[in-house]
Amino acid sequence: MKKHLINWAISIVAIMVAAYLIPGVYVSGVFTALVVAVVLGLLNIFIRPIILILTLPINILTLGLFTLVINAGIVLLAGKIVDGFVVSEFWTALIFGLVLSLVNSVFHIKKD
């Protein structure tokens, strides 16, 4: 349980950092970032696998790069669902997804 709370906190920080770094992304506060983290998590659990299966041929043709388009679409969908989270356009959502992944991976590096 503690591990899940830490991962959730890291996701919230990653969303806030990405929103600060990228013009065109607005998060109204920490509570909104918490809601965005939950919504993105739920969309990634339920919607993303279905979309990945449906777009498998184009994903194979693009050597997996179409997954970035899917991630941007999920970020745009989260922007439509959550009040206080605004993503201005597709390219902004694409960059937001990349920065979010980078920040998450930096924070999740395990120190051995």
PDB file of N, CA and C in Angstrom:
ATOM      1  N   MET A   1       0.827  -1.195   0.000  1.00  0.00           N
ATOM      2  CA  MET A   1       0.000   0.000   0.000  1.00  0.00           C
ATOM      3  C   MET A   1       0.872   1.260   0.000  1.00  0.00           C
ATOM      4  N   LYS A   2       1.954   1.227   0.783  1.00  0.00           N
ATOM      5  CA  LYS A   2       2.847   2.371   0.852  1.00  0.00           C
ATOM      6  C   LYS A   2       3.497   2.642  -0.502  1.00  0.00           C
ATOM      7  N   LYS A   3       3.842   1.561  -1.214  1.00  0.00           N
ATOM      8  CA  LYS A   3       4.457   1.695  -2.539  1.00  0.00           C
ATOM      9  C   LYS A   3       3.506   2.380  -3.519  1.00  0.00           C
ATOM     10  N   HIS A   4       2.213   2.028  -3.457  1.00  0.00           N
ATOM     11  CA  HIS A   4       1.228   2.627  -4.354  1.00  0.00           C
ATOM     12  C   HIS A   4       1.052   4.117  -4.053  1.00  0.00           C
ATOM     13  N   LEU A   5       1.051   4.480  -2.780  1.00  0.00           N
ATOM     14  CA  LEU A   5       0.922   5.892  -2.424  1.00  0.00           C
ATOM     15  C   LEU A   5       2.138   6.695  -2.886  1.00  0.00           C
ATOM     16  N   ILE A   6       3.319   6.092  -2.781  1.00  0.00           N
ATOM     17  CA  ILE A   6       4.529   6.770  -3.244  1.00  0.00           C
ATOM     18  C   ILE A   6       4.484   6.952  -4.761  1.00  0.00           C
ATOM     19  N   ASN A   7       4.060   5.912  -5.488  1.00  0.00           N
ATOM     20  CA  ASN A   7       3.939   6.024  -6.951  1.00  0.00           C
ATOM     21  C   ASN A   7       2.917   7.082  -7.344  1.00  0.00           C
ATOM     22  N   TRP A   8       1.832   7.149  -6.587  1.00  0.00           N
ATOM     23  CA  TRP A   8       0.797   8.143  -6.853  1.00  0.00           C
ATOM     24  C   TRP A   8       1.340   9.547  -6.616  1.00  0.00           C
ATOM     25  N   ALA A   9       2.086   9.734  -5.539  1.00  0.00           N
ATOM     26  CA  ALA A   9       2.685  11.035  -5.243  1.00  0.00           C
ATOM     27  C   ALA A   9       3.692  11.422  -6.328  1.00  0.00           C
ATOM     28  N   ILE A  10       4.455  10.459  -6.806  1.00  0.00           N
ATOM     29  CA  ILE A  10       5.409  10.728  -7.884  1.00  0.00           C
ATOM     30  C   ILE A  10       4.673  11.153  -9.150  1.00  0.00           C
ATOM     31  N   SER A  11       3.561  10.512  -9.441  1.00  0.00           N
ATOM     32  CA  SER A  11       2.774  10.887 -10.620  1.00  0.00           C
ATOM     33  C   SER A  11       2.230  12.303 -10.494  1.00  0.00           C
ATOM     34  N   ILE A  12       1.798  12.669  -9.299  1.00  0.00           N
ATOM     35  CA  ILE A  12       1.285  14.025  -9.080  1.00  0.00           C
ATOM     36  C   ILE A  12       2.394  15.048  -9.293  1.00  0.00           C
ATOM     37  N   VAL A  13       3.571  14.779  -8.747  1.00  0.00           N
ATOM     38  CA  VAL A  13       4.705  15.687  -8.929  1.00  0.00           C
ATOM     39  C   VAL A  13       5.083  15.757 -10.407  1.00  0.00           C
ATOM     40  N   ALA A  14       5.068  14.613 -11.093  1.00  0.00           N
ATOM     41  CA  ALA A  14       5.406  14.591 -12.514  1.00  0.00           C
ATOM     42  C   ALA A  14       4.420  15.418 -13.330  1.00  0.00           C
ATOM     43  N   ILE A  15       3.155  15.351 -13.002  1.00  0.00           N
ATOM     44  CA  ILE A  15       2.143  16.139 -13.710  1.00  0.00           C
ATOM     45  C   ILE A  15       2.362  17.629 -13.459  1.00  0.00           C
ATOM     46  N   MET A  16       2.650  17.985 -12.219  1.00  0.00           N
ATOM     47  CA  MET A  16       2.894  19.396 -11.903  1.00  0.00           C
ATOM     48  C   MET A  16       4.150  19.913 -12.605  1.00  0.00           C
ATOM     49  N   VAL A  17       5.217  19.118 -12.621  1.00  0.00           N
ATOM     50  CA  VAL A  17       6.460  19.524 -13.281  1.00  0.00           C
ATOM     51  C   VAL A  17       6.238  19.666 -14.785  1.00  0.00           C
ATOM     52  N   ALA A  18       5.568  18.691 -15.391  1.00  0.00           N
ATOM     53  CA  ALA A  18       5.314  18.740 -16.829  1.00  0.00           C
ATOM     54  C   ALA A  18       4.437  19.936 -17.188  1.00  0.00           C
ATOM     55  N   ALA A  19       3.439  20.227 -16.353  1.00  0.00           N
ATOM     56  CA  ALA A  19       2.571  21.378 -16.620  1.00  0.00           C
ATOM     57  C   ALA A  19       3.347  22.685 -16.476  1.00  0.00           C
ATOM     58  N   TYR A  20       4.304  22.722 -15.570  1.00  0.00           N
ATOM     59  CA  TYR A  20       5.125  23.926 -15.393  1.00  0.00           C
ATOM     60  C   TYR A  20       6.069  24.133 -16.576  1.00  0.00           C
ATOM     61  N   LEU A  21       6.615  23.039 -17.105  1.00  0.00           N
ATOM     62  CA  LEU A  21       7.611  23.130 -18.171  1.00  0.00           C
ATOM     63  C   LEU A  21       7.015  23.395 -19.548  1.00  0.00           C
ATOM     64  N   ILE A  22       5.798  22.951 -19.781  1.00  0.00           N
ATOM     65  CA  ILE A  22       5.223  22.991 -21.132  1.00  0.00           C
ATOM     66  C   ILE A  22       4.171  24.093 -21.232  1.00  0.00           C
ATOM     67  N   PRO A  23       4.413  25.069 -22.106  1.00  0.00           N
ATOM     68  CA  PRO A  23       3.366  26.065 -22.335  1.00  0.00           C
ATOM     69  C   PRO A  23       2.191  25.414 -23.074  1.00  0.00           C
ATOM     70  N   GLY A  24       0.997  25.769 -22.683  1.00  0.00           N
ATOM     71  CA  GLY A  24      -0.187  25.175 -23.297  1.00  0.00           C
ATOM     72  C   GLY A  24      -0.828  24.113 -22.428  1.00  0.00           C
ATOM     73  N   VAL A  25      -0.186  23.791 -21.300  1.00  0.00           N
ATOM     74  CA  VAL A  25      -0.761  22.852 -20.334  1.00  0.00           C
ATOM     75  C   VAL A  25      -0.980  23.614 -19.041  1.00  0.00           C
ATOM     76  N   TYR A  26      -2.202  23.524 -18.507  1.00  0.00           N
ATOM     77  CA  TYR A  26      -2.533  24.235 -17.280  1.00  0.00           C
ATOM     78  C   TYR A  26      -3.153  23.257 -16.293  1.00  0.00           C
ATOM     79  N   VAL A  27      -2.610  23.232 -15.083  1.00  0.00           N
ATOM     80  CA  VAL A  27      -3.177  22.466 -13.981  1.00  0.00           C
ATOM     81  C   VAL A  27      -3.462  23.463 -12.873  1.00  0.00           C
ATOM     82  N   SER A  28      -4.717  23.526 -12.420  1.00  0.00           N
ATOM     83  CA  SER A  28      -5.115  24.584 -11.492  1.00  0.00           C
ATOM     84  C   SER A  28      -4.586  24.399 -10.079  1.00  0.00           C
ATOM     85  N   GLY A  29      -4.164  23.197  -9.716  1.00  0.00           N
ATOM     86  CA  GLY A  29      -3.648  22.999  -8.361  1.00  0.00           C
ATOM     87  C   GLY A  29      -3.257  21.560  -8.115  1.00  0.00           C
ATOM     88  N   VAL A  30      -2.834  21.304  -6.883  1.00  0.00           N
ATOM     89  CA  VAL A  30      -2.381  19.961  -6.523  1.00  0.00           C
ATOM     90  C   VAL A  30      -3.547  18.973  -6.536  1.00  0.00           C
ATOM     91  N   PHE A  31      -4.718  19.392  -6.067  1.00  0.00           N
ATOM     92  CA  PHE A  31      -5.868  18.491  -6.085  1.00  0.00           C
ATOM     93  C   PHE A  31      -6.244  18.118  -7.513  1.00  0.00           C
ATOM     94  N   THR A  32      -6.166  19.077  -8.423  1.00  0.00           N
ATOM     95  CA  THR A  32      -6.442  18.786  -9.831  1.00  0.00           C
ATOM     96  C   THR A  32      -5.413  17.814 -10.385  1.00  0.00           C
ATOM     97  N   ALA A  33      -4.140  17.987  -9.997  1.00  0.00           N
ATOM     98  CA  ALA A  33      -3.099  17.052 -10.428  1.00  0.00           C
ATOM     99  C   ALA A  33      -3.385  15.650  -9.894  1.00  0.00           C
ATOM    100  N   LEU A  34      -3.896  15.559  -8.674  1.00  0.00           N
ATOM    101  CA  LEU A  34      -4.286  14.267  -8.104  1.00  0.00           C
ATOM    102  C   LEU A  34      -5.394  13.621  -8.926  1.00  0.00           C
ATOM    103  N   VAL A  35      -6.391  14.406  -9.289  1.00  0.00           N
ATOM    104  CA  VAL A  35      -7.496  13.888 -10.099  1.00  0.00           C
ATOM    105  C   VAL A  35      -6.994  13.486 -11.482  1.00  0.00           C
ATOM    106  N   VAL A  36      -6.098  14.283 -12.067  1.00  0.00           N
ATOM    107  CA  VAL A  36      -5.534  13.958 -13.382  1.00  0.00           C
ATOM    108  C   VAL A  36      -4.751  12.648 -13.309  1.00  0.00           C
ATOM    109  N   ALA A  37      -3.991  12.452 -12.234  1.00  0.00           N
ATOM    110  CA  ALA A  37      -3.238  11.208 -12.068  1.00  0.00           C
ATOM    111  C   ALA A  37      -4.176  10.008 -12.005  1.00  0.00           C
ATOM    112  N   VAL A  38      -5.276  10.146 -11.279  1.00  0.00           N
ATOM    113  CA  VAL A  38      -6.249   9.054 -11.186  1.00  0.00           C
ATOM    114  C   VAL A  38      -6.908   8.795 -12.536  1.00  0.00           C
ATOM    115  N   VAL A  39      -7.329   9.870 -13.209  1.00  0.00           N
ATOM    116  CA  VAL A  39      -8.008   9.715 -14.504  1.00  0.00           C
ATOM    117  C   VAL A  39      -7.058   9.124 -15.542  1.00  0.00           C
ATOM    118  N   LEU A  40      -5.822   9.619 -15.599  1.00  0.00           N
ATOM    119  CA  LEU A  40      -4.860   9.049 -16.547  1.00  0.00           C
ATOM    120  C   LEU A  40      -4.592   7.574 -16.234  1.00  0.00           C
ATOM    121  N   GLY A  41      -4.497   7.249 -14.967  1.00  0.00           N
ATOM    122  CA  GLY A  41      -4.306   5.851 -14.582  1.00  0.00           C
ATOM    123  C   GLY A  41      -5.468   4.977 -15.025  1.00  0.00           C
ATOM    124  N   LEU A  42      -6.685   5.443 -14.797  1.00  0.00           N
ATOM    125  CA  LEU A  42      -7.865   4.667 -15.198  1.00  0.00           C
ATOM    126  C   LEU A  42      -7.968   4.541 -16.720  1.00  0.00           C
ATOM    127  N   LEU A  43      -7.695   5.625 -17.432  1.00  0.00           N
ATOM    128  CA  LEU A  43      -7.721   5.561 -18.892  1.00  0.00           C
ATOM    129  C   LEU A  43      -6.653   4.605 -19.417  1.00  0.00           C
ATOM    130  N   ASN A  44      -5.481   4.627 -18.788  1.00  0.00           N
ATOM    131  CA  ASN A  44      -4.409   3.718 -19.208  1.00  0.00           C
ATOM    132  C   ASN A  44      -4.730   2.263 -18.885  1.00  0.00           C
ATOM    133  N   ILE A  45      -5.509   2.026 -17.843  1.00  0.00           N
ATOM    134  CA  ILE A  45      -5.881   0.653 -17.493  1.00  0.00           C
ATOM    135  C   ILE A  45      -6.982   0.127 -18.404  1.00  0.00           C
ATOM    136  N   PHE A  46      -8.005   0.943 -18.663  1.00  0.00           N
ATOM    137  CA  PHE A  46      -9.195   0.442 -19.351  1.00  0.00           C
ATOM    138  C   PHE A  46      -9.249   0.753 -20.849  1.00  0.00           C
ATOM    139  N   ILE A  47      -8.861   1.939 -21.259  1.00  0.00           N
ATOM    140  CA  ILE A  47      -9.022   2.367 -22.652  1.00  0.00           C
ATOM    141  C   ILE A  47      -7.794   2.041 -23.502  1.00  0.00           C
ATOM    142  N   ARG A  48      -6.605   2.300 -22.974  1.00  0.00           N
ATOM    143  CA  ARG A  48      -5.368   2.151 -23.747  1.00  0.00           C
ATOM    144  C   ARG A  48      -5.180   0.745 -24.330  1.00  0.00           C
ATOM    145  N   PRO A  49      -5.398  -0.338 -23.568  1.00  0.00           N
ATOM    146  CA  PRO A  49      -5.204  -1.672 -24.168  1.00  0.00           C
ATOM    147  C   PRO A  49      -6.135  -1.943 -25.349  1.00  0.00           C
ATOM    148  N   ILE A  50      -7.355  -1.461 -25.268  1.00  0.00           N
ATOM    149  CA  ILE A  50      -8.314  -1.664 -26.360  1.00  0.00           C
ATOM    150  C   ILE A  50      -7.842  -0.926 -27.612  1.00  0.00           C
ATOM    151  N   ILE A  51      -7.422   0.325 -27.417  1.00  0.00           N
ATOM    152  CA  ILE A  51      -6.945   1.117 -28.550  1.00  0.00           C
ATOM    153  C   ILE A  51      -5.676   0.507 -29.143  1.00  0.00           C
ATOM    154  N   LEU A  52      -4.782   0.025 -28.281  1.00  0.00           N
ATOM    155  CA  LEU A  52      -3.553  -0.601 -28.782  1.00  0.00           C
ATOM    156  C   LEU A  52      -3.845  -1.839 -29.633  1.00  0.00           C
ATOM    157  N   ILE A  53      -4.807  -2.630 -29.223  1.00  0.00           N
ATOM    158  CA  ILE A  53      -5.172  -3.824 -30.007  1.00  0.00           C
ATOM    159  C   ILE A  53      -5.804  -3.420 -31.332  1.00  0.00           C
ATOM    160  N   LEU A  54      -6.680  -2.419 -31.291  1.00  0.00           N
ATOM    161  CA  LEU A  54      -7.355  -1.993 -32.524  1.00  0.00           C
ATOM    162  C   LEU A  54      -6.384  -1.351 -33.523  1.00  0.00           C
ATOM    163  N   THR A  55      -5.337  -0.729 -33.030  1.00  0.00           N
ATOM    164  CA  THR A  55      -4.392  -0.045 -33.911  1.00  0.00           C
ATOM    165  C   THR A  55      -3.094  -0.827 -34.088  1.00  0.00           C
ATOM    166  N   LEU A  56      -3.125  -2.102 -33.784  1.00  0.00           N
ATOM    167  CA  LEU A  56      -1.916  -2.914 -33.861  1.00  0.00           C
ATOM    168  C   LEU A  56      -1.262  -2.897 -35.246  1.00  0.00           C
ATOM    169  N   PRO A  57      -2.012  -3.005 -36.352  1.00  0.00           N
ATOM    170  CA  PRO A  57      -1.343  -2.979 -37.662  1.00  0.00           C
ATOM    171  C   PRO A  57      -0.566  -1.681 -37.926  1.00  0.00           C
ATOM    172  N   ILE A  58      -1.176  -0.533 -37.619  1.00  0.00           N
ATOM    173  CA  ILE A  58      -0.464   0.730 -37.850  1.00  0.00           C
ATOM    174  C   ILE A  58       0.685   0.886 -36.866  1.00  0.00           C
ATOM    175  N   ASN A  59       0.527   0.333 -35.676  1.00  0.00           N
ATOM    176  CA  ASN A  59       1.598   0.378 -34.687  1.00  0.00           C
ATOM    177  C   ASN A  59       2.797  -0.451 -35.152  1.00  0.00           C
ATOM    178  N   ILE A  60       2.525  -1.566 -35.784  1.00  0.00           N
ATOM    179  CA  ILE A  60       3.608  -2.405 -36.313  1.00  0.00           C
ATOM    180  C   ILE A  60       4.295  -1.690 -37.478  1.00  0.00           C
ATOM    181  N   LEU A  61       3.493  -1.071 -38.358  1.00  0.00           N
ATOM    182  CA  LEU A  61       4.073  -0.363 -39.499  1.00  0.00           C
ATOM    183  C   LEU A  61       4.948   0.821 -39.078  1.00  0.00           C
ATOM    184  N   THR A  62       4.573   1.469 -37.990  1.00  0.00           N
ATOM    185  CA  THR A  62       5.346   2.629 -37.528  1.00  0.00           C
ATOM    186  C   THR A  62       6.371   2.249 -36.469  1.00  0.00           C
ATOM    187  N   LEU A  63       6.575   0.952 -36.283  1.00  0.00           N
ATOM    188  CA  LEU A  63       7.544   0.436 -35.310  1.00  0.00           C
ATOM    189  C   LEU A  63       7.278   0.944 -33.892  1.00  0.00           C
ATOM    190  N   GLY A  64       6.009   1.075 -33.554  1.00  0.00           N
ATOM    191  CA  GLY A  64       5.610   1.452 -32.207  1.00  0.00           C
ATOM    192  C   GLY A  64       5.463   2.939 -31.970  1.00  0.00           C
ATOM    193  N   LEU A  65       5.809   3.768 -32.944  1.00  0.00           N
ATOM    194  CA  LEU A  65       5.724   5.210 -32.749  1.00  0.00           C
ATOM    195  C   LEU A  65       4.274   5.708 -32.666  1.00  0.00           C
ATOM    196  N   PHE A  66       3.339   4.931 -33.210  1.00  0.00           N
ATOM    197  CA  PHE A  66       1.933   5.337 -33.126  1.00  0.00           C
ATOM    198  C   PHE A  66       1.448   5.321 -31.682  1.00  0.00           C
ATOM    199  N   THR A  67       2.157   4.624 -30.807  1.00  0.00           N
ATOM    200  CA  THR A  67       1.812   4.611 -29.384  1.00  0.00           C
ATOM    201  C   THR A  67       1.895   6.018 -28.802  1.00  0.00           C
ATOM    202  N   LEU A  68       2.804   6.836 -29.324  1.00  0.00           N
ATOM    203  CA  LEU A  68       2.890   8.226 -28.875  1.00  0.00           C
ATOM    204  C   LEU A  68       1.615   8.996 -29.214  1.00  0.00           C
ATOM    205  N   VAL A  69       1.040   8.707 -30.363  1.00  0.00           N
ATOM    206  CA  VAL A  69      -0.219   9.335 -30.766  1.00  0.00           C
ATOM    207  C   VAL A  69      -1.342   8.890 -29.836  1.00  0.00           C
ATOM    208  N   ILE A  70      -1.358   7.612 -29.485  1.00  0.00           N
ATOM    209  CA  ILE A  70      -2.364   7.093 -28.562  1.00  0.00           C
ATOM    210  C   ILE A  70      -2.221   7.759 -27.202  1.00  0.00           C
ATOM    211  N   ASN A  71      -0.984   7.895 -26.707  1.00  0.00           N
ATOM    212  CA  ASN A  71      -0.759   8.553 -25.422  1.00  0.00           C
ATOM    213  C   ASN A  71      -1.230  10.004 -25.455  1.00  0.00           C
ATOM    214  N   ALA A  72      -0.968  10.698 -26.553  1.00  0.00           N
ATOM    215  CA  ALA A  72      -1.425  12.083 -26.684  1.00  0.00           C
ATOM    216  C   ALA A  72      -2.948  12.149 -26.681  1.00  0.00           C
ATOM    217  N   GLY A  73      -3.585  11.210 -27.345  1.00  0.00           N
ATOM    218  CA  GLY A  73      -5.048  11.165 -27.341  1.00  0.00           C
ATOM    219  C   GLY A  73      -5.613  10.930 -25.947  1.00  0.00           C
ATOM    220  N   ILE A  74      -4.942  10.092 -25.178  1.00  0.00           N
ATOM    221  CA  ILE A  74      -5.391   9.829 -23.805  1.00  0.00           C
ATOM    222  C   ILE A  74      -5.220  11.084 -22.950  1.00  0.00           C
ATOM    223  N   VAL A  75      -4.128  11.809 -23.142  1.00  0.00           N
ATOM    224  CA  VAL A  75      -3.919  13.063 -22.407  1.00  0.00           C
ATOM    225  C   VAL A  75      -4.991  14.083 -22.794  1.00  0.00           C
ATOM    226  N   LEU A  76      -5.311  14.180 -24.086  1.00  0.00           N
ATOM    227  CA  LEU A  76      -6.370  15.097 -24.528  1.00  0.00           C
ATOM    228  C   LEU A  76      -7.726  14.704 -23.937  1.00  0.00           C
ATOM    229  N   LEU A  77      -7.990  13.398 -23.881  1.00  0.00           N
ATOM    230  CA  LEU A  77      -9.240  12.924 -23.284  1.00  0.00           C
ATOM    231  C   LEU A  77      -9.297  13.267 -21.803  1.00  0.00           C
ATOM    232  N   ALA A  78      -8.188  13.115 -21.105  1.00  0.00           N
ATOM    233  CA  ALA A  78      -8.141  13.491 -19.688  1.00  0.00           C
ATOM    234  C   ALA A  78      -8.377  14.993 -19.528  1.00  0.00           C
ATOM    235  N   GLY A  79      -7.873  15.780 -20.473  1.00  0.00           N
ATOM    236  CA  GLY A  79      -8.102  17.217 -20.442  1.00  0.00           C
ATOM    237  C   GLY A  79      -9.571  17.575 -20.611  1.00  0.00           C
ATOM    238  N   LYS A  80     -10.304  16.764 -21.366  1.00  0.00           N
ATOM    239  CA  LYS A  80     -11.742  16.992 -21.545  1.00  0.00           C
ATOM    240  C   LYS A  80     -12.527  16.544 -20.315  1.00  0.00           C
ATOM    241  N   ILE A  81     -12.035  15.540 -19.614  1.00  0.00           N
ATOM    242  CA  ILE A  81     -12.761  14.967 -18.473  1.00  0.00           C
ATOM    243  C   ILE A  81     -12.563  15.798 -17.208  1.00  0.00           C
ATOM    244  N   VAL A  82     -11.340  16.229 -16.945  1.00  0.00           N
ATOM    245  CA  VAL A  82     -11.007  16.874 -15.674  1.00  0.00           C
ATOM    246  C   VAL A  82     -11.089  18.392 -15.794  1.00  0.00           C
ATOM    247  N   ASP A  83     -11.904  19.000 -14.926  1.00  0.00           N
ATOM    248  CA  ASP A  83     -11.967  20.460 -14.859  1.00  0.00           C
ATOM    249  C   ASP A  83     -10.689  20.970 -14.195  1.00  0.00           C
ATOM    250  N   GLY A  84     -10.130  22.027 -14.737  1.00  0.00           N
ATOM    251  CA  GLY A  84      -8.916  22.592 -14.178  1.00  0.00           C
ATOM    252  C   GLY A  84      -7.650  22.042 -14.808  1.00  0.00           C
ATOM    253  N   PHE A  85      -7.799  21.112 -15.754  1.00  0.00           N
ATOM    254  CA  PHE A  85      -6.666  20.566 -16.498  1.00  0.00           C
ATOM    255  C   PHE A  85      -6.911  20.854 -17.963  1.00  0.00           C
ATOM    256  N   VAL A  86      -6.079  21.720 -18.529  1.00  0.00           N
ATOM    257  CA  VAL A  86      -6.270  22.167 -19.905  1.00  0.00           C
ATOM    258  C   VAL A  86      -5.029  21.824 -20.719  1.00  0.00           C
ATOM    259  N   VAL A  87      -5.263  21.178 -21.854  1.00  0.00           N
ATOM    260  CA  VAL A  87      -4.203  20.907 -22.824  1.00  0.00           C
ATOM    261  C   VAL A  87      -4.660  21.566 -24.113  1.00  0.00           C
ATOM    262  N   SER A  88      -3.835  22.483 -24.628  1.00  0.00           N
ATOM    263  CA  SER A  88      -4.289  23.346 -25.718  1.00  0.00           C
ATOM    264  C   SER A  88      -4.432  22.640 -27.062  1.00  0.00           C
ATOM    265  N   GLU A  89      -3.514  21.725 -27.411  1.00  0.00           N
ATOM    266  CA  GLU A  89      -3.582  21.093 -28.726  1.00  0.00           C
ATOM    267  C   GLU A  89      -2.895  19.733 -28.702  1.00  0.00           C
ATOM    268  N   PHE A  90      -2.970  19.045 -29.838  1.00  0.00           N
ATOM    269  CA  PHE A  90      -2.419  17.690 -29.942  1.00  0.00           C
ATOM    270  C   PHE A  90      -0.922  17.654 -29.679  1.00  0.00           C
ATOM    271  N   TRP A  91      -0.159  18.568 -30.290  1.00  0.00           N
ATOM    272  CA  TRP A  91       1.299  18.545 -30.141  1.00  0.00           C
ATOM    273  C   TRP A  91       1.703  18.831 -28.702  1.00  0.00           C
ATOM    274  N   THR A  92       0.950  19.675 -28.054  1.00  0.00           N
ATOM    275  CA  THR A  92       1.200  19.942 -26.634  1.00  0.00           C
ATOM    276  C   THR A  92       0.949  18.680 -25.816  1.00  0.00           C
ATOM    277  N   ALA A  93      -0.111  17.963 -26.148  1.00  0.00           N
ATOM    278  CA  ALA A  93      -0.409  16.711 -25.445  1.00  0.00           C
ATOM    279  C   ALA A  93       0.687  15.673 -25.694  1.00  0.00           C
ATOM    280  N   LEU A  94       1.209  15.635 -26.911  1.00  0.00           N
ATOM    281  CA  LEU A  94       2.292  14.702 -27.227  1.00  0.00           C
ATOM    282  C   LEU A  94       3.537  15.009 -26.408  1.00  0.00           C
ATOM    283  N   ILE A  95       3.904  16.276 -26.339  1.00  0.00           N
ATOM    284  CA  ILE A  95       5.073  16.682 -25.558  1.00  0.00           C
ATOM    285  C   ILE A  95       4.818  16.449 -24.068  1.00  0.00           C
ATOM    286  N   PHE A  96       3.600  16.734 -23.596  1.00  0.00           N
ATOM    287  CA  PHE A  96       3.248  16.500 -22.206  1.00  0.00           C
ATOM    288  C   PHE A  96       3.412  15.026 -21.843  1.00  0.00           C
ATOM    289  N   GLY A  97       2.945  14.143 -22.720  1.00  0.00           N
ATOM    290  CA  GLY A  97       3.099  12.711 -22.473  1.00  0.00           C
ATOM    291  C   GLY A  97       4.561  12.295 -22.404  1.00  0.00           C
ATOM    292  N   LEU A  98       5.391  12.852 -23.287  1.00  0.00           N
ATOM    293  CA  LEU A  98       6.821  12.539 -23.264  1.00  0.00           C
ATOM    294  C   LEU A  98       7.490  13.045 -21.991  1.00  0.00           C
ATOM    295  N   VAL A  99       7.198  14.295 -21.619  1.00  0.00           N
ATOM    296  CA  VAL A  99       7.801  14.858 -20.403  1.00  0.00           C
ATOM    297  C   VAL A  99       7.310  14.105 -19.172  1.00  0.00           C
ATOM    298  N   LEU A 100       6.037  13.755 -19.156  1.00  0.00           N
ATOM    299  CA  LEU A 100       5.478  12.990 -18.034  1.00  0.00           C
ATOM    300  C   LEU A 100       6.189  11.649 -17.901  1.00  0.00           C
ATOM    301  N   SER A 101       6.436  10.988 -19.013  1.00  0.00           N
ATOM    302  CA  SER A 101       7.160   9.711 -18.981  1.00  0.00           C
ATOM    303  C   SER A 101       8.591   9.895 -18.495  1.00  0.00           C
ATOM    304  N   LEU A 102       9.251  10.935 -18.973  1.00  0.00           N
ATOM    305  CA  LEU A 102      10.629  11.203 -18.548  1.00  0.00           C
ATOM    306  C   LEU A 102      10.716  11.491 -17.055  1.00  0.00           C
ATOM    307  N   VAL A 103       9.839  12.366 -16.567  1.00  0.00           N
ATOM    308  CA  VAL A 103       9.862  12.723 -15.145  1.00  0.00           C
ATOM    309  C   VAL A 103       9.536  11.505 -14.290  1.00  0.00           C
ATOM    310  N   ASN A 104       8.547  10.726 -14.704  1.00  0.00           N
ATOM    311  CA  ASN A 104       8.204   9.503 -13.965  1.00  0.00           C
ATOM    312  C   ASN A 104       9.377   8.540 -13.928  1.00  0.00           C
ATOM    313  N   SER A 105      10.056   8.382 -15.046  1.00  0.00           N
ATOM    314  CA  SER A 105      11.172   7.434 -15.068  1.00  0.00           C
ATOM    315  C   SER A 105      12.342   7.930 -14.229  1.00  0.00           C
ATOM    316  N   VAL A 106      12.583   9.240 -14.191  1.00  0.00           N
ATOM    317  CA  VAL A 106      13.652   9.777 -13.359  1.00  0.00           C
ATOM    318  C   VAL A 106      13.345   9.552 -11.876  1.00  0.00           C
ATOM    319  N   PHE A 107      12.087   9.794 -11.481  1.00  0.00           N
ATOM    320  CA  PHE A 107      11.723   9.613 -10.087  1.00  0.00           C
ATOM    321  C   PHE A 107      11.646   8.147  -9.674  1.00  0.00           C
ATOM    322  N   HIS A 108      11.446   7.246 -10.629  1.00  0.00           N
ATOM    323  CA  HIS A 108      11.316   5.823 -10.304  1.00  0.00           C
ATOM    324  C   HIS A 108      12.646   5.061 -10.416  1.00  0.00           C
ATOM    325  N   ILE A 109      13.741   5.771 -10.623  1.00  0.00           N
ATOM    326  CA  ILE A 109      15.044   5.095 -10.667  1.00  0.00           C
ATOM    327  C   ILE A 109      15.341   4.546  -9.285  1.00  0.00           C
ATOM    328  N   LYS A 110      15.643   3.265  -9.230  1.00  0.00           N
ATOM    329  CA  LYS A 110      15.918   2.626  -7.942  1.00  0.00           C
ATOM    330  C   LYS A 110      17.388   2.767  -7.602  1.00  0.00           C
ATOM    331  N   LYS A 111      17.629   3.155  -6.410  1.00  0.00           N
ATOM    332  CA  LYS A 111      19.006   3.271  -5.920  1.00  0.00           C
ATOM    333  C   LYS A 111      19.383   1.933  -5.278  1.00  0.00           C
ATOM    334  N   ASP A 112      20.400   1.297  -5.833  1.00  0.00           N
ATOM    335  CA  ASP A 112      20.841   0.005  -5.272  1.00  0.00           C
ATOM    336  C   ASP A 112      22.054   0.148  -4.410  1.00  0.00           C
TER     337      ASP A 112
END
